[in-house]
Amino acid sequence: MEIVSIIIGVLAGGGVTFGVYRLSVGGAIKKKMSEAESEAERIKKEKMLQAKENFLKLKEEHEASIKDRERKMQSNEDRIRGKESSLNNKLEEANRKDK
């Protein structure tokens, strides 16, 4: 009878030990999952910030390019208007000489 009690005690102790071990392993897994999710969220936020910064940089470069192009166009328009005015003056002068 003592042997049966010992066997039952060993089995019960083993069962309790296994249960506690399973709970601690499960907790460790949950902790690792939580840490991994936190790390993934941090990386996601970092990448989103980098993407926004890159977008703003590209936007600024594009706007600067457009302003430069507009400035050059305005300069060309001014130059053409000057030439047009000069030609009109020469034409008027030539018409006056012909009369």
PDB file of N, CA and C in Angstrom:
ATOM      1  N   MET A   1       0.816  -1.175   0.000  1.00  0.00           N
ATOM      2  CA  MET A   1       0.000   0.000   0.000  1.00  0.00           C
ATOM      3  C   MET A   1       0.869   1.252   0.000  1.00  0.00           C
ATOM      4  N   GLU A   2       1.970   1.201   0.671  1.00  0.00           N
ATOM      5  CA  GLU A   2       2.861   2.345   0.697  1.00  0.00           C
ATOM      6  C   GLU A   2       3.421   2.630  -0.695  1.00  0.00           C
ATOM      7  N   ILE A   3       3.689   1.597  -1.453  1.00  0.00           N
ATOM      8  CA  ILE A   3       4.229   1.762  -2.804  1.00  0.00           C
ATOM      9  C   ILE A   3       3.198   2.476  -3.678  1.00  0.00           C
ATOM     10  N   VAL A   4       1.946   2.107  -3.538  1.00  0.00           N
ATOM     11  CA  VAL A   4       0.872   2.743  -4.314  1.00  0.00           C
ATOM     12  C   VAL A   4       0.780   4.215  -3.918  1.00  0.00           C
ATOM     13  N   SER A   5       0.883   4.503  -2.631  1.00  0.00           N
ATOM     14  CA  SER A   5       0.831   5.890  -2.161  1.00  0.00           C
ATOM     15  C   SER A   5       2.017   6.680  -2.699  1.00  0.00           C
ATOM     16  N   ILE A   6       3.183   6.058  -2.713  1.00  0.00           N
ATOM     17  CA  ILE A   6       4.379   6.722  -3.238  1.00  0.00           C
ATOM     18  C   ILE A   6       4.210   6.996  -4.729  1.00  0.00           C
ATOM     19  N   ILE A   7       3.724   6.004  -5.460  1.00  0.00           N
ATOM     20  CA  ILE A   7       3.520   6.161  -6.910  1.00  0.00           C
ATOM     21  C   ILE A   7       2.502   7.269  -7.179  1.00  0.00           C
ATOM     22  N   ILE A   8       1.404   7.266  -6.415  1.00  0.00           N
ATOM     23  CA  ILE A   8       0.381   8.306  -6.573  1.00  0.00           C
ATOM     24  C   ILE A   8       0.982   9.671  -6.242  1.00  0.00           C
ATOM     25  N   GLY A   9       1.783   9.752  -5.201  1.00  0.00           N
ATOM     26  CA  GLY A   9       2.432  11.007  -4.814  1.00  0.00           C
ATOM     27  C   GLY A   9       3.393  11.501  -5.890  1.00  0.00           C
ATOM     28  N   VAL A  10       4.182  10.561  -6.436  1.00  0.00           N
ATOM     29  CA  VAL A  10       5.135  10.918  -7.493  1.00  0.00           C
ATOM     30  C   VAL A  10       4.387  11.407  -8.728  1.00  0.00           C
ATOM     31  N   LEU A  11       3.334  10.687  -9.106  1.00  0.00           N
ATOM     32  CA  LEU A  11       2.544  11.092 -10.276  1.00  0.00           C
ATOM     33  C   LEU A  11       1.876  12.449 -10.053  1.00  0.00           C
ATOM     34  N   ALA A  12       1.325  12.648  -8.869  1.00  0.00           N
ATOM     35  CA  ALA A  12       0.675  13.920  -8.554  1.00  0.00           C
ATOM     36  C   ALA A  12       1.704  15.047  -8.565  1.00  0.00           C
ATOM     37  N   GLY A  13       2.856  14.800  -7.958  1.00  0.00           N
ATOM     38  CA  GLY A  13       3.921  15.808  -7.948  1.00  0.00           C
ATOM     39  C   GLY A  13       4.411  16.112  -9.357  1.00  0.00           C
ATOM     40  N   GLY A  14       4.559  15.050 -10.154  1.00  0.00           N
ATOM     41  CA  GLY A  14       4.981  15.239 -11.550  1.00  0.00           C
ATOM     42  C   GLY A  14       3.951  16.033 -12.332  1.00  0.00           C
ATOM     43  N   GLY A  15       2.668  15.731 -12.083  1.00  0.00           N
ATOM     44  CA  GLY A  15       1.598  16.470 -12.767  1.00  0.00           C
ATOM     45  C   GLY A  15       1.601  17.944 -12.400  1.00  0.00           C
ATOM     46  N   VAL A  16       1.764  18.214 -11.099  1.00  0.00           N
ATOM     47  CA  VAL A  16       1.806  19.601 -10.634  1.00  0.00           C
ATOM     48  C   VAL A  16       3.023  20.305 -11.218  1.00  0.00           C
ATOM     49  N   THR A  17       4.167  19.630 -11.192  1.00  0.00           N
ATOM     50  CA  THR A  17       5.394  20.214 -11.743  1.00  0.00           C
ATOM     51  C   THR A  17       5.228  20.510 -13.230  1.00  0.00           C
ATOM     52  N   PHE A  18       4.643  19.561 -13.962  1.00  0.00           N
ATOM     53  CA  PHE A  18       4.417  19.750 -15.392  1.00  0.00           C
ATOM     54  C   PHE A  18       3.472  20.931 -15.639  1.00  0.00           C
ATOM     55  N   GLY A  19       2.422  21.018 -14.832  1.00  0.00           N
ATOM     56  CA  GLY A  19       1.467  22.130 -14.966  1.00  0.00           C
ATOM     57  C   GLY A  19       2.122  23.473 -14.716  1.00  0.00           C
ATOM     58  N   VAL A  20       2.925  23.548 -13.656  1.00  0.00           N
ATOM     59  CA  VAL A  20       3.627  24.799 -13.346  1.00  0.00           C
ATOM     60  C   VAL A  20       4.606  25.144 -14.462  1.00  0.00           C
ATOM     61  N   TYR A  21       5.315  24.137 -14.969  1.00  0.00           N
ATOM     62  CA  TYR A  21       6.265  24.344 -16.062  1.00  0.00           C
ATOM     63  C   TYR A  21       5.547  24.876 -17.303  1.00  0.00           C
ATOM     64  N   ARG A  22       4.407  24.267 -17.616  1.00  0.00           N
ATOM     65  CA  ARG A  22       3.622  24.699 -18.780  1.00  0.00           C
ATOM     66  C   ARG A  22       3.154  26.136 -18.630  1.00  0.00           C
ATOM     67  N   LEU A  23       2.726  26.480 -17.433  1.00  0.00           N
ATOM     68  CA  LEU A  23       2.280  27.853 -17.197  1.00  0.00           C
ATOM     69  C   LEU A  23       3.431  28.844 -17.345  1.00  0.00           C
ATOM     70  N   SER A  24       4.607  28.476 -16.833  1.00  0.00           N
ATOM     71  CA  SER A  24       5.742  29.396 -16.925  1.00  0.00           C
ATOM     72  C   SER A  24       6.214  29.521 -18.370  1.00  0.00           C
ATOM     73  N   VAL A  25       6.202  28.425 -19.122  1.00  0.00           N
ATOM     74  CA  VAL A  25       6.585  28.472 -20.534  1.00  0.00           C
ATOM     75  C   VAL A  25       5.559  29.292 -21.306  1.00  0.00           C
ATOM     76  N   GLY A  26       4.282  29.073 -21.005  1.00  0.00           N
ATOM     77  CA  GLY A  26       3.227  29.850 -21.661  1.00  0.00           C
ATOM     78  C   GLY A  26       3.371  31.329 -21.373  1.00  0.00           C
ATOM     79  N   GLY A  27       3.706  31.662 -20.150  1.00  0.00           N
ATOM     80  CA  GLY A  27       3.926  33.063 -19.780  1.00  0.00           C
ATOM     81  C   GLY A  27       5.114  33.649 -20.511  1.00  0.00           C
ATOM     82  N   ALA A  28       6.177  32.855 -20.633  1.00  0.00           N
ATOM     83  CA  ALA A  28       7.367  33.325 -21.344  1.00  0.00           C
ATOM     84  C   ALA A  28       7.046  33.555 -22.818  1.00  0.00           C
ATOM     85  N   ILE A  29       6.254  32.657 -23.384  1.00  0.00           N
ATOM     86  CA  ILE A  29       5.868  32.810 -24.794  1.00  0.00           C
ATOM     87  C   ILE A  29       5.019  34.065 -24.971  1.00  0.00           C
ATOM     88  N   LYS A  30       4.066  34.260 -24.060  1.00  0.00           N
ATOM     89  CA  LYS A  30       3.226  35.457 -24.142  1.00  0.00           C
ATOM     90  C   LYS A  30       4.070  36.722 -24.001  1.00  0.00           C
ATOM     91  N   LYS A  31       5.052  36.666 -23.094  1.00  0.00           N
ATOM     92  CA  LYS A  31       5.928  37.820 -22.891  1.00  0.00           C
ATOM     93  C   LYS A  31       6.731  38.105 -24.159  1.00  0.00           C
ATOM     94  N   LYS A  32       7.273  37.054 -24.772  1.00  0.00           N
ATOM     95  CA  LYS A  32       8.049  37.215 -26.009  1.00  0.00           C
ATOM     96  C   LYS A  32       7.161  37.764 -27.126  1.00  0.00           C
ATOM     97  N   MET A  33       5.931  37.263 -27.221  1.00  0.00           N
ATOM     98  CA  MET A  33       4.993  37.751 -28.242  1.00  0.00           C
ATOM     99  C   MET A  33       4.696  39.229 -28.017  1.00  0.00           C
ATOM    100  N   SER A  34       4.477  39.593 -26.770  1.00  0.00           N
ATOM    101  CA  SER A  34       4.193  40.987 -26.442  1.00  0.00           C
ATOM    102  C   SER A  34       5.382  41.882 -26.794  1.00  0.00           C
ATOM    103  N   GLU A  35       6.588  41.420 -26.473  1.00  0.00           N
ATOM    104  CA  GLU A  35       7.793  42.177 -26.807  1.00  0.00           C
ATOM    105  C   GLU A  35       7.946  42.309 -28.322  1.00  0.00           C
ATOM    106  N   ALA A  36       7.675  41.217 -29.041  1.00  0.00           N
ATOM    107  CA  ALA A  36       7.786  41.242 -30.501  1.00  0.00           C
ATOM    108  C   ALA A  36       6.765  42.207 -31.106  1.00  0.00           C
ATOM    109  N   GLU A  37       5.547  42.211 -30.579  1.00  0.00           N
ATOM    110  CA  GLU A  37       4.523  43.130 -31.074  1.00  0.00           C
ATOM    111  C   GLU A  37       4.917  44.579 -30.796  1.00  0.00           C
ATOM    112  N   SER A  38       5.472  44.830 -29.620  1.00  0.00           N
ATOM    113  CA  SER A  38       5.920  46.185 -29.282  1.00  0.00           C
ATOM    114  C   SER A  38       7.040  46.633 -30.217  1.00  0.00           C
ATOM    115  N   GLU A  39       7.975  45.739 -30.468  1.00  0.00           N
ATOM    116  CA  GLU A  39       9.089  46.042 -31.370  1.00  0.00           C
ATOM    117  C   GLU A  39       8.578  46.295 -32.791  1.00  0.00           C
ATOM    118  N   ALA A  40       7.630  45.474 -33.232  1.00  0.00           N
ATOM    119  CA  ALA A  40       7.054  45.660 -34.570  1.00  0.00           C
ATOM    120  C   ALA A  40       6.348  47.011 -34.669  1.00  0.00           C
ATOM    121  N   GLU A  41       5.631  47.387 -33.644  1.00  0.00           N
ATOM    122  CA  GLU A  41       4.931  48.678 -33.635  1.00  0.00           C
ATOM    123  C   GLU A  41       5.936  49.834 -33.656  1.00  0.00           C
ATOM    124  N   ARG A  42       7.027  49.691 -32.909  1.00  0.00           N
ATOM    125  CA  ARG A  42       8.067  50.724 -32.892  1.00  0.00           C
ATOM    126  C   ARG A  42       8.690  50.875 -34.278  1.00  0.00           C
ATOM    127  N   ILE A  43       9.003  49.747 -34.899  1.00  0.00           N
ATOM    128  CA  ILE A  43       9.601  49.773 -36.238  1.00  0.00           C
ATOM    129  C   ILE A  43       8.626  50.387 -37.240  1.00  0.00           C
ATOM    130  N   LYS A  44       7.360  50.028 -37.120  1.00  0.00           N
ATOM    131  CA  LYS A  44       6.332  50.571 -38.019  1.00  0.00           C
ATOM    132  C   LYS A  44       6.266  52.092 -37.896  1.00  0.00           C
ATOM    133  N   LYS A  45       6.245  52.598 -36.663  1.00  0.00           N
ATOM    134  CA  LYS A  45       6.193  54.048 -36.446  1.00  0.00           C
ATOM    135  C   LYS A  45       7.441  54.723 -37.008  1.00  0.00           C
ATOM    136  N   GLU A  46       8.596  54.094 -36.792  1.00  0.00           N
ATOM    137  CA  GLU A  46       9.854  54.649 -37.291  1.00  0.00           C
ATOM    138  C   GLU A  46       9.841  54.729 -38.816  1.00  0.00           C
ATOM    139  N   LYS A  47       9.384  53.664 -39.466  1.00  0.00           N
ATOM    140  CA  LYS A  47       9.337  53.637 -40.932  1.00  0.00           C
ATOM    141  C   LYS A  47       8.318  54.643 -41.465  1.00  0.00           C
ATOM    142  N   MET A  48       7.199  54.800 -40.774  1.00  0.00           N
ATOM    143  CA  MET A  48       6.199  55.789 -41.190  1.00  0.00           C
ATOM    144  C   MET A  48       6.791  57.197 -41.091  1.00  0.00           C
ATOM    145  N   LEU A  49       7.521  57.458 -40.026  1.00  0.00           N
ATOM    146  CA  LEU A  49       8.155  58.763 -39.852  1.00  0.00           C
ATOM    147  C   LEU A  49       9.180  59.007 -40.957  1.00  0.00           C
ATOM    148  N   GLN A  50       9.977  57.993 -41.268  1.00  0.00           N
ATOM    149  CA  GLN A  50      10.964  58.123 -42.341  1.00  0.00           C
ATOM    150  C   GLN A  50      10.275  58.390 -43.675  1.00  0.00           C
ATOM    151  N   ALA A  51       9.165  57.696 -43.923  1.00  0.00           N
ATOM    152  CA  ALA A  51       8.429  57.895 -45.173  1.00  0.00           C
ATOM    153  C   ALA A  51       7.879  59.318 -45.253  1.00  0.00           C
ATOM    154  N   LYS A  52       7.352  59.821 -44.143  1.00  0.00           N
ATOM    155  CA  LYS A  52       6.828  61.194 -44.129  1.00  0.00           C
ATOM    156  C   LYS A  52       7.947  62.200 -44.369  1.00  0.00           C
ATOM    157  N   GLU A  53       9.089  61.986 -43.718  1.00  0.00           N
ATOM    158  CA  GLU A  53      10.225  62.889 -43.906  1.00  0.00           C
ATOM    159  C   GLU A  53      10.695  62.869 -45.358  1.00  0.00           C
ATOM    160  N   ASN A  54      10.758  61.675 -45.939  1.00  0.00           N
ATOM    161  CA  ASN A  54      11.179  61.546 -47.332  1.00  0.00           C
ATOM    162  C   ASN A  54      10.178  62.240 -48.257  1.00  0.00           C
ATOM    163  N   PHE A  55       8.882  62.064 -47.978  1.00  0.00           N
ATOM    164  CA  PHE A  55       7.845  62.711 -48.778  1.00  0.00           C
ATOM    165  C   PHE A  55       7.995  64.228 -48.717  1.00  0.00           C
ATOM    166  N   LEU A  56       8.184  64.762 -47.517  1.00  0.00           N
ATOM    167  CA  LEU A  56       8.324  66.215 -47.369  1.00  0.00           C
ATOM    168  C   LEU A  56       9.566  66.729 -48.095  1.00  0.00           C
ATOM    169  N   LYS A  57      10.648  65.964 -48.035  1.00  0.00           N
ATOM    170  CA  LYS A  57      11.874  66.356 -48.730  1.00  0.00           C
ATOM    171  C   LYS A  57      11.632  66.398 -50.238  1.00  0.00           C
ATOM    172  N   LEU A  58      10.993  65.352 -50.766  1.00  0.00           N
ATOM    173  CA  LEU A  58      10.707  65.314 -52.199  1.00  0.00           C
ATOM    174  C   LEU A  58       9.754  66.431 -52.602  1.00  0.00           C
ATOM    175  N   LYS A  59       8.778  66.715 -51.749  1.00  0.00           N
ATOM    176  CA  LYS A  59       7.820  67.787 -52.029  1.00  0.00           C
ATOM    177  C   LYS A  59       8.540  69.132 -52.095  1.00  0.00           C
ATOM    178  N   GLU A  60       9.424  69.394 -51.132  1.00  0.00           N
ATOM    179  CA  GLU A  60      10.184  70.644 -51.121  1.00  0.00           C
ATOM    180  C   GLU A  60      11.060  70.769 -52.366  1.00  0.00           C
ATOM    181  N   GLU A  61      11.711  69.666 -52.754  1.00  0.00           N
ATOM    182  CA  GLU A  61      12.552  69.687 -53.951  1.00  0.00           C
ATOM    183  C   GLU A  61      11.708  69.982 -55.187  1.00  0.00           C
ATOM    184  N   HIS A  62      10.538  69.359 -55.259  1.00  0.00           N
ATOM    185  CA  HIS A  62       9.643  69.568 -56.399  1.00  0.00           C
ATOM    186  C   HIS A  62       9.171  71.020 -56.449  1.00  0.00           C
ATOM    187  N   GLU A  63       8.772  71.558 -55.309  1.00  0.00           N
ATOM    188  CA  GLU A  63       8.310  72.948 -55.259  1.00  0.00           C
ATOM    189  C   GLU A  63       9.432  73.911 -55.641  1.00  0.00           C
ATOM    190  N   ALA A  64      10.653  73.631 -55.198  1.00  0.00           N
ATOM    191  CA  ALA A  64      11.795  74.476 -55.563  1.00  0.00           C
ATOM    192  C   ALA A  64      12.042  74.406 -57.067  1.00  0.00           C
ATOM    193  N   SER A  65      11.909  73.215 -57.629  1.00  0.00           N
ATOM    194  CA  SER A  65      12.085  73.041 -59.070  1.00  0.00           C
ATOM    195  C   SER A  65      11.029  73.828 -59.843  1.00  0.00           C
ATOM    196  N   ILE A  66       9.794  73.775 -59.378  1.00  0.00           N
ATOM    197  CA  ILE A  66       8.709  74.513 -60.034  1.00  0.00           C
ATOM    198  C   ILE A  66       8.966  76.017 -59.948  1.00  0.00           C
ATOM    199  N   LYS A  67       9.366  76.506 -58.771  1.00  0.00           N
ATOM    200  CA  LYS A  67       9.647  77.937 -58.612  1.00  0.00           C
ATOM    201  C   LYS A  67      10.786  78.376 -59.527  1.00  0.00           C
ATOM    202  N   ASP A  68      11.814  77.537 -59.646  1.00  0.00           N
ATOM    203  CA  ASP A  68      12.936  77.858 -60.521  1.00  0.00           C
ATOM    204  C   ASP A  68      12.466  77.926 -61.972  1.00  0.00           C
ATOM    205  N   ARG A  69      11.650  76.969 -62.370  1.00  0.00           N
ATOM    206  CA  ARG A  69      11.117  76.947 -63.728  1.00  0.00           C
ATOM    207  C   ARG A  69      10.247  78.187 -63.983  1.00  0.00           C
ATOM    208  N   GLU A  70       9.412  78.539 -63.010  1.00  0.00           N
ATOM    209  CA  GLU A  70       8.566  79.727 -63.153  1.00  0.00           C
ATOM    210  C   GLU A  70       9.413  80.997 -63.248  1.00  0.00           C
ATOM    211  N   ARG A  71      10.484  81.051 -62.460  1.00  0.00           N
ATOM    212  CA  ARG A  71      11.379  82.211 -62.505  1.00  0.00           C
ATOM    213  C   ARG A  71      12.029  82.328 -63.882  1.00  0.00           C
ATOM    214  N   LYS A  72      12.475  81.200 -64.435  1.00  0.00           N
ATOM    215  CA  LYS A  72      13.092  81.211 -65.765  1.00  0.00           C
ATOM    216  C   LYS A  72      12.078  81.614 -66.834  1.00  0.00           C
ATOM    217  N   MET A  73      10.850  81.104 -66.704  1.00  0.00           N
ATOM    218  CA  MET A  73       9.810  81.471 -67.669  1.00  0.00           C
ATOM    219  C   MET A  73       9.518  82.964 -67.605  1.00  0.00           C
ATOM    220  N   GLN A  74       9.442  83.504 -66.401  1.00  0.00           N
ATOM    221  CA  GLN A  74       9.183  84.939 -66.239  1.00  0.00           C
ATOM    222  C   GLN A  74      10.315  85.751 -66.846  1.00  0.00           C
ATOM    223  N   SER A  75      11.541  85.299 -66.636  1.00  0.00           N
ATOM    224  CA  SER A  75      12.699  85.982 -67.204  1.00  0.00           C
ATOM    225  C   SER A  75      12.632  85.961 -68.730  1.00  0.00           C
ATOM    226  N   ASN A  76      12.281  84.812 -69.296  1.00  0.00           N
ATOM    227  CA  ASN A  76      12.158  84.704 -70.754  1.00  0.00           C
ATOM    228  C   ASN A  76      11.032  85.591 -71.274  1.00  0.00           C
ATOM    229  N   GLU A  77       9.909  85.612 -70.569  1.00  0.00           N
ATOM    230  CA  GLU A  77       8.792  86.469 -70.979  1.00  0.00           C
ATOM    231  C   GLU A  77       9.205  87.937 -70.956  1.00  0.00           C
ATOM    232  N   ASP A  78       9.917  88.341 -69.911  1.00  0.00           N
ATOM    233  CA  ASP A  78      10.385  89.725 -69.814  1.00  0.00           C
ATOM    234  C   ASP A  78      11.332  90.056 -70.967  1.00  0.00           C
ATOM    235  N   ARG A  79      12.222  89.126 -71.284  1.00  0.00           N
ATOM    236  CA  ARG A  79      13.173  89.327 -72.381  1.00  0.00           C
ATOM    237  C   ARG A  79      12.427  89.455 -73.709  1.00  0.00           C
ATOM    238  N   ILE A  80      11.438  88.590 -73.927  1.00  0.00           N
ATOM    239  CA  ILE A  80      10.654  88.630 -75.165  1.00  0.00           C
ATOM    240  C   ILE A  80       9.854  89.929 -75.254  1.00  0.00           C
ATOM    241  N   ARG A  81       9.266  90.352 -74.146  1.00  0.00           N
ATOM    242  CA  ARG A  81       8.525  91.622 -74.143  1.00  0.00           C
ATOM    243  C   ARG A  81       9.454  92.796 -74.482  1.00  0.00           C
ATOM    244  N   GLY A  82      10.663  92.731 -73.936  1.00  0.00           N
ATOM    245  CA  GLY A  82      11.643  93.786 -74.247  1.00  0.00           C
ATOM    246  C   GLY A  82      11.977  93.813 -75.728  1.00  0.00           C
ATOM    247  N   LYS A  83      12.192  92.630 -76.314  1.00  0.00           N
ATOM    248  CA  LYS A  83      12.493  92.548 -77.745  1.00  0.00           C
ATOM    249  C   LYS A  83      11.296  93.035 -78.561  1.00  0.00           C
ATOM    250  N   GLU A  84      10.094  92.630 -78.136  1.00  0.00           N
ATOM    251  CA  GLU A  84       8.879  93.043 -78.839  1.00  0.00           C
ATOM    252  C   GLU A  84       8.740  94.567 -78.804  1.00  0.00           C
ATOM    253  N   SER A  85       8.974  95.147 -77.652  1.00  0.00           N
ATOM    254  CA  SER A  85       8.892  96.598 -77.505  1.00  0.00           C
ATOM    255  C   SER A  85       9.930  97.284 -78.391  1.00  0.00           C
ATOM    256  N   SER A  86      11.130  96.738 -78.405  1.00  0.00           N
ATOM    257  CA  SER A  86      12.196  97.301 -79.231  1.00  0.00           C
ATOM    258  C   SER A  86      11.824  97.221 -80.706  1.00  0.00           C
ATOM    259  N   LEU A  87      11.276  96.089 -81.139  1.00  0.00           N
ATOM    260  CA  LEU A  87      10.869  95.932 -82.535  1.00  0.00           C
ATOM    261  C   LEU A  87       9.726  96.881 -82.884  1.00  0.00           C
ATOM    262  N   ASN A  88       8.782  97.040 -81.965  1.00  0.00           N
ATOM    263  CA  ASN A  88       7.676  97.974 -82.201  1.00  0.00           C
ATOM    264  C   ASN A  88       8.200  99.399 -82.355  1.00  0.00           C
ATOM    265  N   ASN A  89       9.151  99.770 -81.513  1.00  0.00           N
ATOM    266  CA  ASN A  89       9.746 101.107 -81.609  1.00  0.00           C
ATOM    267  C   ASN A  89      10.456 101.291 -82.948  1.00  0.00           C
ATOM    268  N   LYS A  90      11.205 100.274 -83.374  1.00  0.00           N
ATOM    269  CA  LYS A  90      11.913 100.351 -84.656  1.00  0.00           C
ATOM    270  C   LYS A  90      10.918 100.437 -85.812  1.00  0.00           C
ATOM    271  N   LEU A  91       9.822  99.677 -85.711  1.00  0.00           N
ATOM    272  CA  LEU A  91       8.803  99.694 -86.752  1.00  0.00           C
ATOM    273  C   LEU A  91       8.140 101.067 -86.828  1.00  0.00           C
ATOM    274  N   GLU A  92       7.813 101.642 -85.687  1.00  0.00           N
ATOM    275  CA  GLU A  92       7.211 102.975 -85.656  1.00  0.00           C
ATOM    276  C   GLU A  92       8.168 104.011 -86.242  1.00  0.00           C
ATOM    277  N   GLU A  93       9.441 103.889 -85.904  1.00  0.00           N
ATOM    278  CA  GLU A  93      10.441 104.819 -86.415  1.00  0.00           C
ATOM    279  C   GLU A  93      10.577 104.681 -87.927  1.00  0.00           C
ATOM    280  N   ALA A  94      10.561 103.437 -88.401  1.00  0.00           N
ATOM    281  CA  ALA A  94      10.648 103.202 -89.842  1.00  0.00           C
ATOM    282  C   ALA A  94       9.412 103.751 -90.543  1.00  0.00           C
ATOM    283  N   ASN A  95       8.235 103.608 -89.951  1.00  0.00           N
ATOM    284  CA  ASN A  95       6.998 104.129 -90.539  1.00  0.00           C
ATOM    285  C   ASN A  95       7.031 105.655 -90.587  1.00  0.00           C
ATOM    286  N   ARG A  96       7.584 106.295 -89.575  1.00  0.00           N
ATOM    287  CA  ARG A  96       7.686 107.751 -89.547  1.00  0.00           C
ATOM    288  C   ARG A  96       8.637 108.255 -90.631  1.00  0.00           C
ATOM    289  N   LYS A  97       9.710 107.510 -90.835  1.00  0.00           N
ATOM    290  CA  LYS A  97      10.686 107.919 -91.855  1.00  0.00           C
ATOM    291  C   LYS A  97      10.085 107.787 -93.254  1.00  0.00           C
ATOM    292  N   ASP A  98       9.231 106.766 -93.428  1.00  0.00           N
ATOM    293  CA  ASP A  98       8.618 106.540 -94.733  1.00  0.00           C
ATOM    294  C   ASP A  98       7.604 107.625 -95.071  1.00  0.00           C
ATOM    295  N   LYS A  99       7.014 108.255 -94.116  1.00  0.00           N
ATOM    296  CA  LYS A  99       5.970 109.257 -94.364  1.00  0.00           C
ATOM    297  C   LYS A  99       6.571 110.538 -94.692  1.00  0.00           C
TER     298      LYS A  99
END
